Structures are given as structure tokens and as C-alpha cells.
């Protein structure tokens, strides 16, 4: 469990910190068209970071579920053969 949740929590915390600073930061000066483009670009970066964390979680979850099941319920993985 620790091998899955520790990296997930660290990535989530780090990306959340960067995302909040990107999302809430403002460029000093007037609100021009370039400012709006930069704001949209920053928000796209934050959304991409969310996608990266979610992809990590979704891709590694089946692997860890399999090994947890194998550890706690080994009888699920025993092969029973018919002997003649």
C-alpha cells in the first residue's frame, strides 16, 4: 500500500503546490490579449498536471490490487487441475 499511496500523495502534493501558484499568480500590468493567452496557457498546464497524477493512479492501481489480492487471498490464484 505504501508503495502506491506514498508516491501518489507526494506527486499530488507537489503538483497541487505548483498548480495553485500557477493558477493564482497574476502578471503585473494591464490586462492585454497577451495576458489572457498566458492565463489560458497556465491553466492548461495545471489541467495537464492533474491528468498526469490521475494517469499514474489509474495505471498503477490494477498492479497493486493484483498483488494485494495475491498476498491476502492466495487461494484465488491456485490452479486446480483435473487428474485422470
PDB file of N, CA and C in Angstrom:
ATOM      1  N   UNK A   1       0.821  -1.208   0.000  1.00  0.00           N
ATOM      2  CA  UNK A   1       0.000   0.000   0.000  1.00  0.00           C
ATOM      3  C   UNK A   1       0.854   1.256   0.000  1.00  0.00           C
ATOM      4  N   UNK A   2       1.921   1.227   0.781  1.00  0.00           N
ATOM      5  CA  UNK A   2       2.787   2.394   0.893  1.00  0.00           C
ATOM      6  C   UNK A   2       3.485   2.696  -0.430  1.00  0.00           C
ATOM      7  N   UNK A   3       3.804   1.635  -1.184  1.00  0.00           N
ATOM      8  CA  UNK A   3       4.494   1.811  -2.461  1.00  0.00           C
ATOM      9  C   UNK A   3       3.593   2.520  -3.474  1.00  0.00           C
ATOM     10  N   UNK A   4       2.298   2.427  -3.303  1.00  0.00           N
ATOM     11  CA  UNK A   4       1.357   3.078  -4.219  1.00  0.00           C
ATOM     12  C   UNK A   4       0.948   4.460  -3.713  1.00  0.00           C
ATOM     13  N   UNK A   5       0.553   4.531  -2.440  1.00  0.00           N
ATOM     14  CA  UNK A   5      -0.012   5.777  -1.929  1.00  0.00           C
ATOM     15  C   UNK A   5       1.033   6.839  -1.604  1.00  0.00           C
ATOM     16  N   UNK A   6       2.230   6.441  -1.190  1.00  0.00           N
ATOM     17  CA  UNK A   6       3.251   7.436  -0.879  1.00  0.00           C
ATOM     18  C   UNK A   6       3.654   8.243  -2.117  1.00  0.00           C
ATOM     19  N   UNK A   7       4.026   7.598  -3.243  1.00  0.00           N
ATOM     20  CA  UNK A   7       4.331   8.401  -4.437  1.00  0.00           C
ATOM     21  C   UNK A   7       3.132   9.203  -4.940  1.00  0.00           C
ATOM     22  N   UNK A   8       1.937   8.606  -4.828  1.00  0.00           N
ATOM     23  CA  UNK A   8       0.734   9.307  -5.276  1.00  0.00           C
ATOM     24  C   UNK A   8       0.498  10.562  -4.444  1.00  0.00           C
ATOM     25  N   UNK A   9       0.657  10.457  -3.137  1.00  0.00           N
ATOM     26  CA  UNK A   9       0.471  11.623  -2.261  1.00  0.00           C
ATOM     27  C   UNK A   9       1.550  12.672  -2.491  1.00  0.00           C
ATOM     28  N   UNK A  10       2.787  12.236  -2.669  1.00  0.00           N
ATOM     29  CA  UNK A  10       3.872  13.194  -2.914  1.00  0.00           C
ATOM     30  C   UNK A  10       3.669  13.908  -4.242  1.00  0.00           C
ATOM     31  N   UNK A  11       3.326  13.151  -5.288  1.00  0.00           N
ATOM     32  CA  UNK A  11       3.066  13.782  -6.586  1.00  0.00           C
ATOM     33  C   UNK A  11       1.878  14.722  -6.503  1.00  0.00           C
ATOM     34  N   UNK A  12       0.824  14.281  -5.835  1.00  0.00           N
ATOM     35  CA  UNK A  12      -0.363  15.126  -5.696  1.00  0.00           C
ATOM     36  C   UNK A  12      -0.060  16.409  -4.956  1.00  0.00           C
ATOM     37  N   UNK A  13       0.691  16.303  -3.861  1.00  0.00           N
ATOM     38  CA  UNK A  13       1.034  17.497  -3.078  1.00  0.00           C
ATOM     39  C   UNK A  13       1.925  18.441  -3.886  1.00  0.00           C
ATOM     40  N   UNK A  14       2.953  17.899  -4.544  1.00  0.00           N
ATOM     41  CA  UNK A  14       3.873  18.742  -5.313  1.00  0.00           C
ATOM     42  C   UNK A  14       3.157  19.419  -6.478  1.00  0.00           C
ATOM     43  N   UNK A  15       2.371  18.658  -7.218  1.00  0.00           N
ATOM     44  CA  UNK A  15       1.662  19.240  -8.349  1.00  0.00           C
ATOM     45  C   UNK A  15       0.584  20.214  -7.893  1.00  0.00           C
ATOM     46  N   UNK A  16      -0.029  19.940  -6.747  1.00  0.00           N
ATOM     47  CA  UNK A  16      -1.034  20.855  -6.223  1.00  0.00           C
ATOM     48  C   UNK A  16      -0.387  22.187  -5.830  1.00  0.00           C
ATOM     49  N   UNK A  17       0.786  22.132  -5.230  1.00  0.00           N
ATOM     50  CA  UNK A  17       1.502  23.356  -4.862  1.00  0.00           C
ATOM     51  C   UNK A  17       1.853  24.173  -6.102  1.00  0.00           C
ATOM     52  N   UNK A  18       2.407  23.506  -7.100  1.00  0.00           N
ATOM     53  CA  UNK A  18       2.756  24.203  -8.346  1.00  0.00           C
ATOM     54  C   UNK A  18       1.493  24.706  -9.038  1.00  0.00           C
ATOM     55  N   UNK A  19       0.454  23.894  -9.048  1.00  0.00           N
ATOM     56  CA  UNK A  19      -0.797  24.284  -9.701  1.00  0.00           C
ATOM     57  C   UNK A  19      -1.445  25.492  -9.065  1.00  0.00           C
ATOM     58  N   UNK A  20      -1.469  25.528  -7.728  1.00  0.00           N
ATOM     59  CA  UNK A  20      -2.042  26.699  -7.052  1.00  0.00           C
ATOM     60  C   UNK A  20      -1.242  27.956  -7.350  1.00  0.00           C
ATOM     61  N   UNK A  21       0.087  27.838  -7.369  1.00  0.00           N
ATOM     62  CA  UNK A  21       0.884  29.034  -7.651  1.00  0.00           C
ATOM     63  C   UNK A  21       0.705  29.478  -9.100  1.00  0.00           C
ATOM     64  N   UNK A  22       0.566  28.530 -10.023  1.00  0.00           N
ATOM     65  CA  UNK A  22       0.325  28.911 -11.420  1.00  0.00           C
ATOM     66  C   UNK A  22      -1.075  29.483 -11.613  1.00  0.00           C
ATOM     67  N   UNK A  23      -2.060  28.852 -11.016  1.00  0.00           N
ATOM     68  CA  UNK A  23      -3.451  29.246 -11.215  1.00  0.00           C
ATOM     69  C   UNK A  23      -3.726  30.625 -10.634  1.00  0.00           C
ATOM     70  N   UNK A  24      -3.146  30.912  -9.473  1.00  0.00           N
ATOM     71  CA  UNK A  24      -3.483  32.161  -8.792  1.00  0.00           C
ATOM     72  C   UNK A  24      -2.512  33.297  -9.071  1.00  0.00           C
ATOM     73  N   UNK A  25      -1.417  33.022  -9.750  1.00  0.00           N
ATOM     74  CA  UNK A  25      -0.455  34.101  -9.999  1.00  0.00           C
ATOM     75  C   UNK A  25      -0.981  35.032 -11.084  1.00  0.00           C
ATOM     76  N   UNK A  26      -0.665  36.289 -10.908  1.00  0.00           N
ATOM     77  CA  UNK A  26      -1.078  37.292 -11.890  1.00  0.00           C
ATOM     78  C   UNK A  26       0.147  38.047 -12.377  1.00  0.00           C
ATOM     79  N   UNK A  27       0.132  38.369 -13.638  1.00  0.00           N
ATOM     80  CA  UNK A  27       1.221  39.127 -14.226  1.00  0.00           C
ATOM     81  C   UNK A  27       0.930  40.606 -13.997  1.00  0.00           C
ATOM     82  N   UNK A  28       1.901  41.341 -13.451  1.00  0.00           N
ATOM     83  CA  UNK A  28       1.653  42.766 -13.211  1.00  0.00           C
ATOM     84  C   UNK A  28       1.489  43.533 -14.526  1.00  0.00           C
ATOM     85  N   UNK A  29       0.647  44.521 -14.484  1.00  0.00           N
ATOM     86  CA  UNK A  29       0.416  45.338 -15.667  1.00  0.00           C
ATOM     87  C   UNK A  29      -1.038  45.291 -16.084  1.00  0.00           C
ATOM     88  N   UNK A  30      -1.290  45.826 -17.252  1.00  0.00           N
ATOM     89  CA  UNK A  30      -2.667  45.880 -17.722  1.00  0.00           C
ATOM     90  C   UNK A  30      -3.102  44.529 -18.285  1.00  0.00           C
ATOM     91  N   UNK A  31      -4.397  44.390 -18.427  1.00  0.00           N
ATOM     92  CA  UNK A  31      -4.972  43.144 -18.920  1.00  0.00           C
ATOM     93  C   UNK A  31      -5.039  43.199 -20.440  1.00  0.00           C
ATOM     94  N   UNK A  32      -4.023  42.693 -21.083  1.00  0.00           N
ATOM     95  CA  UNK A  32      -3.978  42.722 -22.538  1.00  0.00           C
ATOM     96  C   UNK A  32      -4.322  41.342 -23.095  1.00  0.00           C
ATOM     97  N   UNK A  33      -4.322  41.251 -24.399  1.00  0.00           N
ATOM     98  CA  UNK A  33      -4.602  39.980 -25.065  1.00  0.00           C
ATOM     99  C   UNK A  33      -3.516  38.954 -24.754  1.00  0.00           C
ATOM    100  N   UNK A  34      -2.271  39.415 -24.669  1.00  0.00           N
ATOM    101  CA  UNK A  34      -1.155  38.515 -24.331  1.00  0.00           C
ATOM    102  C   UNK A  34      -1.334  37.947 -22.922  1.00  0.00           C
ATOM    103  N   UNK A  35      -1.818  38.758 -22.001  1.00  0.00           N
ATOM    104  CA  UNK A  35      -2.058  38.303 -20.629  1.00  0.00           C
ATOM    105  C   UNK A  35      -3.106  37.200 -20.612  1.00  0.00           C
ATOM    106  N   UNK A  36      -4.160  37.376 -21.388  1.00  0.00           N
ATOM    107  CA  UNK A  36      -5.215  36.363 -21.443  1.00  0.00           C
ATOM    108  C   UNK A  36      -4.689  35.054 -22.031  1.00  0.00           C
ATOM    109  N   UNK A  37      -3.822  35.156 -23.048  1.00  0.00           N
ATOM    110  CA  UNK A  37      -3.223  33.955 -23.634  1.00  0.00           C
ATOM    111  C   UNK A  37      -2.343  33.231 -22.621  1.00  0.00           C
ATOM    112  N   UNK A  38      -1.567  33.992 -21.844  1.00  0.00           N
ATOM    113  CA  UNK A  38      -0.705  33.378 -20.834  1.00  0.00           C
ATOM    114  C   UNK A  38      -1.531  32.736 -19.727  1.00  0.00           C
ATOM    115  N   UNK A  39      -2.624  33.359 -19.361  1.00  0.00           N
ATOM    116  CA  UNK A  39      -3.504  32.801 -18.338  1.00  0.00           C
ATOM    117  C   UNK A  39      -4.110  31.478 -18.808  1.00  0.00           C
ATOM    118  N   UNK A  40      -4.546  31.443 -20.055  1.00  0.00           N
ATOM    119  CA  UNK A  40      -5.099  30.210 -20.619  1.00  0.00           C
ATOM    120  C   UNK A  40      -4.023  29.129 -20.684  1.00  0.00           C
ATOM    121  N   UNK A  41      -2.799  29.507 -21.069  1.00  0.00           N
ATOM    122  CA  UNK A  41      -1.703  28.537 -21.144  1.00  0.00           C
ATOM    123  C   UNK A  41      -1.368  27.978 -19.764  1.00  0.00           C
ATOM    124  N   UNK A  42      -1.369  28.836 -18.744  1.00  0.00           N
ATOM    125  CA  UNK A  42      -1.082  28.366 -17.385  1.00  0.00           C
ATOM    126  C   UNK A  42      -2.155  27.403 -16.904  1.00  0.00           C
ATOM    127  N   UNK A  43      -3.382  27.692 -17.207  1.00  0.00           N
ATOM    128  CA  UNK A  43      -4.470  26.807 -16.779  1.00  0.00           C
ATOM    129  C   UNK A  43      -4.416  25.466 -17.514  1.00  0.00           C
ATOM    130  N   UNK A  44      -3.958  25.475 -18.766  1.00  0.00           N
ATOM    131  CA  UNK A  44      -3.775  24.218 -19.488  1.00  0.00           C
ATOM    132  C   UNK A  44      -2.684  23.374 -18.837  1.00  0.00           C
ATOM    133  N   UNK A  45      -1.622  24.029 -18.371  1.00  0.00           N
ATOM    134  CA  UNK A  45      -0.542  23.310 -17.686  1.00  0.00           C
ATOM    135  C   UNK A  45      -1.065  22.673 -16.409  1.00  0.00           C
ATOM    136  N   UNK A  46      -1.872  23.399 -15.658  1.00  0.00           N
ATOM    137  CA  UNK A  46      -2.435  22.858 -14.415  1.00  0.00           C
ATOM    138  C   UNK A  46      -3.327  21.657 -14.723  1.00  0.00           C
ATOM    139  N   UNK A  47      -4.138  21.761 -15.751  1.00  0.00           N
ATOM    140  CA  UNK A  47      -5.004  20.633 -16.122  1.00  0.00           C
ATOM    141  C   UNK A  47      -4.179  19.426 -16.561  1.00  0.00           C
ATOM    142  N   UNK A  48      -3.077  19.669 -17.264  1.00  0.00           N
ATOM    143  CA  UNK A  48      -2.207  18.577 -17.689  1.00  0.00           C
ATOM    144  C   UNK A  48      -1.552  17.899 -16.490  1.00  0.00           C
ATOM    145  N   UNK A  49      -1.190  18.670 -15.479  1.00  0.00           N
ATOM    146  CA  UNK A  49      -0.611  18.080 -14.273  1.00  0.00           C
ATOM    147  C   UNK A  49      -1.637  17.204 -13.560  1.00  0.00           C
ATOM    148  N   UNK A  50      -2.887  17.625 -13.547  1.00  0.00           N
ATOM    149  CA  UNK A  50      -3.950  16.804 -12.956  1.00  0.00           C
ATOM    150  C   UNK A  50      -4.094  15.501 -13.738  1.00  0.00           C
ATOM    151  N   UNK A  51      -4.015  15.583 -15.053  1.00  0.00           N
ATOM    152  CA  UNK A  51      -4.105  14.390 -15.893  1.00  0.00           C
ATOM    153  C   UNK A  51      -2.939  13.441 -15.606  1.00  0.00           C
ATOM    154  N   UNK A  52      -1.739  13.977 -15.397  1.00  0.00           N
ATOM    155  CA  UNK A  52      -0.569  13.142 -15.111  1.00  0.00           C
ATOM    156  C   UNK A  52      -0.762  12.373 -13.806  1.00  0.00           C
ATOM    157  N   UNK A  53      -1.222  13.044 -12.762  1.00  0.00           N
ATOM    158  CA  UNK A  53      -1.434  12.380 -11.471  1.00  0.00           C
ATOM    159  C   UNK A  53      -2.543  11.334 -11.584  1.00  0.00           C
ATOM    160  N   UNK A  54      -3.624  11.669 -12.251  1.00  0.00           N
ATOM    161  CA  UNK A  54      -4.724  10.704 -12.413  1.00  0.00           C
ATOM    162  C   UNK A  54      -4.293   9.506 -13.259  1.00  0.00           C
ATOM    163  N   UNK A  55      -3.491   9.741 -14.287  1.00  0.00           N
ATOM    164  CA  UNK A  55      -2.988   8.647 -15.114  1.00  0.00           C
ATOM    165  C   UNK A  55      -2.097   7.721 -14.299  1.00  0.00           C
ATOM    166  N   UNK A  56      -1.232   8.293 -13.472  1.00  0.00           N
ATOM    167  CA  UNK A  56      -0.396   7.486 -12.585  1.00  0.00           C
ATOM    168  C   UNK A  56      -1.267   6.613 -11.692  1.00  0.00           C
ATOM    169  N   UNK A  57      -2.280   7.223 -11.091  1.00  0.00           N
ATOM    170  CA  UNK A  57      -3.148   6.487 -10.164  1.00  0.00           C
ATOM    171  C   UNK A  57      -3.892   5.364 -10.881  1.00  0.00           C
ATOM    172  N   UNK A  58      -4.445   5.645 -12.035  1.00  0.00           N
ATOM    173  CA  UNK A  58      -5.241   4.650 -12.761  1.00  0.00           C
ATOM    174  C   UNK A  58      -4.365   3.524 -13.318  1.00  0.00           C
ATOM    175  N   UNK A  59      -3.179   3.860 -13.810  1.00  0.00           N
ATOM    176  CA  UNK A  59      -2.325   2.839 -14.422  1.00  0.00           C
ATOM    177  C   UNK A  59      -1.706   1.896 -13.396  1.00  0.00           C
ATOM    178  N   UNK A  60      -1.343   2.392 -12.235  1.00  0.00           N
ATOM    179  CA  UNK A  60      -0.696   1.547 -11.231  1.00  0.00           C
ATOM    180  C   UNK A  60      -1.676   0.853 -10.301  1.00  0.00           C
ATOM    181  N   UNK A  61      -2.925   1.284 -10.254  1.00  0.00           N
ATOM    182  CA  UNK A  61      -3.888   0.683  -9.336  1.00  0.00           C
ATOM    183  C   UNK A  61      -4.138  -0.808  -9.609  1.00  0.00           C
ATOM    184  N   UNK A  62      -4.372  -1.252 -10.841  1.00  0.00           N
ATOM    185  CA  UNK A  62      -4.596  -2.690 -11.061  1.00  0.00           C
ATOM    186  C   UNK A  62      -3.408  -3.548 -10.637  1.00  0.00           C
ATOM    187  N   UNK A  63      -2.212  -3.071 -10.875  1.00  0.00           N
ATOM    188  CA  UNK A  63      -0.998  -3.784 -10.479  1.00  0.00           C
ATOM    189  C   UNK A  63      -0.971  -4.002  -8.972  1.00  0.00           C
ATOM    190  N   UNK A  64      -1.255  -2.975  -8.220  1.00  0.00           N
ATOM    191  CA  UNK A  64      -1.221  -3.083  -6.765  1.00  0.00           C
ATOM    192  C   UNK A  64      -2.409  -3.877  -6.220  1.00  0.00           C
ATOM    193  N   UNK A  65      -3.553  -3.775  -6.851  1.00  0.00           N
ATOM    194  CA  UNK A  65      -4.700  -4.590  -6.436  1.00  0.00           C
ATOM    195  C   UNK A  65      -4.383  -6.069  -6.634  1.00  0.00           C
ATOM    196  N   UNK A  66      -3.765  -6.397  -7.762  1.00  0.00           N
ATOM    197  CA  UNK A  66      -3.397  -7.786  -8.034  1.00  0.00           C
ATOM    198  C   UNK A  66      -2.474  -8.328  -6.943  1.00  0.00           C
ATOM    199  N   UNK A  67      -1.437  -7.590  -6.591  1.00  0.00           N
ATOM    200  CA  UNK A  67      -0.502  -8.092  -5.594  1.00  0.00           C
ATOM    201  C   UNK A  67      -1.079  -8.082  -4.182  1.00  0.00           C
ATOM    202  N   UNK A  68      -1.981  -7.167  -3.882  1.00  0.00           N
ATOM    203  CA  UNK A  68      -2.657  -7.216  -2.583  1.00  0.00           C
ATOM    204  C   UNK A  68      -3.569  -8.435  -2.491  1.00  0.00           C
ATOM    205  N   UNK A  69      -4.295  -8.704  -3.562  1.00  0.00           N
ATOM    206  CA  UNK A  69      -5.139  -9.902  -3.580  1.00  0.00           C
ATOM    207  C   UNK A  69      -4.290 -11.164  -3.468  1.00  0.00           C
ATOM    208  N   UNK A  70      -3.162 -11.174  -4.163  1.00  0.00           N
ATOM    209  CA  UNK A  70      -2.278 -12.335  -4.121  1.00  0.00           C
ATOM    210  C   UNK A  70      -1.697 -12.542  -2.722  1.00  0.00           C
ATOM    211  N   UNK A  71      -1.450 -11.462  -2.022  1.00  0.00           N
ATOM    212  CA  UNK A  71      -0.885 -11.566  -0.680  1.00  0.00           C
ATOM    213  C   UNK A  71      -1.932 -12.008   0.343  1.00  0.00           C
ATOM    214  N   UNK A  72      -3.124 -11.454   0.278  1.00  0.00           N
ATOM    215  CA  UNK A  72      -4.132 -11.735   1.295  1.00  0.00           C
ATOM    216  C   UNK A  72      -5.070 -12.895   0.944  1.00  0.00           C
ATOM    217  N   UNK A  73      -5.232 -13.180  -0.328  1.00  0.00           N
ATOM    218  CA  UNK A  73      -6.098 -14.277  -0.769  1.00  0.00           C
ATOM    219  C   UNK A  73      -5.362 -15.152  -1.784  1.00  0.00           C
ATOM    220  N   UNK A  74      -4.343 -15.882  -1.366  1.00  0.00           N
ATOM    221  CA  UNK A  74      -3.567 -16.679  -2.334  1.00  0.00           C
ATOM    222  C   UNK A  74      -4.377 -17.808  -2.967  1.00  0.00           C
ATOM    223  N   UNK A  75      -5.448 -18.223  -2.311  1.00  0.00           N
ATOM    224  CA  UNK A  75      -6.256 -19.311  -2.877  1.00  0.00           C
ATOM    225  C   UNK A  75      -6.944 -18.901  -4.178  1.00  0.00           C
ATOM    226  N   UNK A  76      -7.085 -17.608  -4.409  1.00  0.00           N
ATOM    227  CA  UNK A  76      -7.681 -17.150  -5.673  1.00  0.00           C
ATOM    228  C   UNK A  76      -6.796 -17.468  -6.872  1.00  0.00           C
ATOM    229  N   UNK A  77      -5.502 -17.636  -6.617  1.00  0.00           N
ATOM    230  CA  UNK A  77      -4.551 -17.806  -7.711  1.00  0.00           C
ATOM    231  C   UNK A  77      -4.035 -19.237  -7.836  1.00  0.00           C
ATOM    232  N   UNK A  78      -4.605 -20.147  -7.067  1.00  0.00           N
ATOM    233  CA  UNK A  78      -4.197 -21.547  -7.162  1.00  0.00           C
ATOM    234  C   UNK A  78      -4.863 -22.185  -8.369  1.00  0.00           C
ATOM    235  N   UNK A  79      -4.100 -22.985  -9.068  1.00  0.00           N
ATOM    236  CA  UNK A  79      -4.609 -23.690 -10.239  1.00  0.00           C
ATOM    237  C   UNK A  79      -5.037 -25.089  -9.813  1.00  0.00           C
ATOM    238  N   UNK A  80      -6.237 -25.457 -10.139  1.00  0.00           N
ATOM    239  CA  UNK A  80      -6.731 -26.800  -9.854  1.00  0.00           C
ATOM    240  C   UNK A  80      -6.865 -27.543 -11.183  1.00  0.00           C
ATOM    241  N   UNK A  81      -6.167 -28.665 -11.253  1.00  0.00           N
ATOM    242  CA  UNK A  81      -6.178 -29.449 -12.480  1.00  0.00           C
ATOM    243  C   UNK A  81      -6.991 -30.727 -12.268  1.00  0.00           C
ATOM    244  N   UNK A  82      -7.581 -31.182 -13.319  1.00  0.00           N
ATOM    245  CA  UNK A  82      -8.324 -32.440 -13.281  1.00  0.00           C
ATOM    246  C   UNK A  82      -7.330 -33.569 -13.537  1.00  0.00           C
ATOM    247  N   UNK A  83      -7.295 -34.520 -12.630  1.00  0.00           N
ATOM    248  CA  UNK A  83      -6.412 -35.668 -12.811  1.00  0.00           C
ATOM    249  C   UNK A  83      -7.227 -36.848 -13.318  1.00  0.00           C
ATOM    250  N   UNK A  84      -6.674 -37.538 -14.267  1.00  0.00           N
ATOM    251  CA  UNK A  84      -7.389 -38.677 -14.837  1.00  0.00           C
ATOM    252  C   UNK A  84      -6.770 -39.970 -14.387  1.00  0.00           C
TER     253      UNK A  84
END
